[in-house]
Amino acid sequence: MGNETAFPDNASQWEAWQKDKDGYRTWVQEVITNRPSRSHGFSHVTQYKQELAEMRKTETTG
């Protein structure tokens, strides 16, 4: 599963790769590099609580 915001349309990634392999590789690297910290939901039960604590710590210190 990928970050849905990286896909602006329903174009086929397979077709894009077949047409321009180097361009596709460049695009994939950009998608991978610019992914948000939580792009696939929660990885464990207390993750949301931990993220809130980190956000609060950042707000008070920074």
C-alpha atoms as a PDB file:
ATOM      1  CA  MET A   1       0.000   0.000   0.000  1.00  0.00           C
ATOM      2  CA  GLY A   2       1.303   3.420  -0.863  1.00  0.00           C
ATOM      3  CA  ASN A   3       0.682   6.991   0.187  1.00  0.00           C
ATOM      4  CA  GLU A   4      -2.480   7.939  -1.721  1.00  0.00           C
ATOM      5  CA  THR A   5      -1.531  11.618  -1.983  1.00  0.00           C
ATOM      6  CA  ALA A   6       1.391  10.608  -4.215  1.00  0.00           C
ATOM      7  CA  PHE A   7      -1.042   9.411  -6.894  1.00  0.00           C
ATOM      8  CA  PRO A   8      -2.975  12.342  -8.399  1.00  0.00           C
ATOM      9  CA  ASP A   9      -4.911  10.117 -10.831  1.00  0.00           C
ATOM     10  CA  ASN A  10      -5.725   6.508 -11.636  1.00  0.00           C
ATOM     11  CA  ALA A  11      -2.979   6.127 -14.233  1.00  0.00           C
ATOM     12  CA  SER A  12      -1.270   2.773 -14.407  1.00  0.00           C
ATOM     13  CA  GLN A  13       2.149   2.661 -12.801  1.00  0.00           C
ATOM     14  CA  TRP A  14       2.940  -0.377 -14.937  1.00  0.00           C
ATOM     15  CA  GLU A  15       2.218   1.563 -18.132  1.00  0.00           C
ATOM     16  CA  ALA A  16       4.268   4.522 -16.897  1.00  0.00           C
ATOM     17  CA  TRP A  17       7.194   2.191 -16.211  1.00  0.00           C
ATOM     18  CA  GLN A  18       6.898   0.586 -19.649  1.00  0.00           C
ATOM     19  CA  LYS A  19       6.880   3.983 -21.408  1.00  0.00           C
ATOM     20  CA  ASP A  20       9.721   5.662 -19.468  1.00  0.00           C
ATOM     21  CA  LYS A  21      11.690   3.464 -17.079  1.00  0.00           C
ATOM     22  CA  ASP A  22      14.173   6.161 -16.020  1.00  0.00           C
ATOM     23  CA  GLY A  23      11.435   8.749 -15.499  1.00  0.00           C
ATOM     24  CA  TYR A  24       9.429   6.241 -13.482  1.00  0.00           C
ATOM     25  CA  ARG A  25      12.413   5.432 -11.251  1.00  0.00           C
ATOM     26  CA  THR A  26      12.946   9.148 -10.624  1.00  0.00           C
ATOM     27  CA  TRP A  27       9.270   9.590  -9.739  1.00  0.00           C
ATOM     28  CA  VAL A  28       9.314   6.592  -7.368  1.00  0.00           C
ATOM     29  CA  GLN A  29      12.361   7.969  -5.554  1.00  0.00           C
ATOM     30  CA  GLU A  30      10.564  11.302  -5.076  1.00  0.00           C
ATOM     31  CA  VAL A  31       7.491   9.505  -3.691  1.00  0.00           C
ATOM     32  CA  ILE A  32       9.595   7.430  -1.297  1.00  0.00           C
ATOM     33  CA  THR A  33      11.693  10.406  -0.159  1.00  0.00           C
ATOM     34  CA  ASN A  34       8.744  12.695   0.554  1.00  0.00           C
ATOM     35  CA  ARG A  35       6.494  10.357   2.469  1.00  0.00           C
ATOM     36  CA  PRO A  36       4.798  11.562   5.663  1.00  0.00           C
ATOM     37  CA  SER A  37       5.806  10.092   9.024  1.00  0.00           C
ATOM     38  CA  ARG A  38       2.646   7.968   9.163  1.00  0.00           C
ATOM     39  CA  SER A  39       1.718   7.084   5.616  1.00  0.00           C
ATOM     40  CA  HIS A  40       0.163   3.670   6.285  1.00  0.00           C
ATOM     41  CA  GLY A  41      -1.930   4.110   9.402  1.00  0.00           C
ATOM     42  CA  PHE A  42      -0.865   2.913  12.819  1.00  0.00           C
ATOM     43  CA  SER A  43       1.798   0.284  13.290  1.00  0.00           C
ATOM     44  CA  HIS A  44       0.935  -0.492  16.903  1.00  0.00           C
ATOM     45  CA  VAL A  45      -1.863   0.209  19.402  1.00  0.00           C
ATOM     46  CA  THR A  46      -0.266   3.106  21.289  1.00  0.00           C
ATOM     47  CA  GLN A  47       1.244   4.874  18.275  1.00  0.00           C
ATOM     48  CA  TYR A  48      -1.415   7.625  18.190  1.00  0.00           C
ATOM     49  CA  LYS A  49      -0.863   8.399  21.871  1.00  0.00           C
ATOM     50  CA  GLN A  50       2.912   8.551  21.333  1.00  0.00           C
ATOM     51  CA  GLU A  51       2.553  10.869  18.338  1.00  0.00           C
ATOM     52  CA  LEU A  52       0.338  13.238  20.333  1.00  0.00           C
ATOM     53  CA  ALA A  53       2.899  13.330  23.141  1.00  0.00           C
ATOM     54  CA  GLU A  54       5.657  14.140  20.620  1.00  0.00           C
ATOM     55  CA  MET A  55       3.552  16.894  19.072  1.00  0.00           C
ATOM     56  CA  ARG A  56       2.829  18.431  22.491  1.00  0.00           C
ATOM     57  CA  LYS A  57       6.514  18.270  23.408  1.00  0.00           C
ATOM     58  CA  THR A  58       7.402  20.062  20.154  1.00  0.00           C
ATOM     59  CA  GLU A  59       4.752  22.744  20.772  1.00  0.00           C
ATOM     60  CA  THR A  60       6.082  23.539  24.238  1.00  0.00           C
ATOM     61  CA  THR A  61       9.785  23.470  23.371  1.00  0.00           C
ATOM     62  CA  GLY A  62       9.817  24.803  19.861  1.00  0.00           C
END
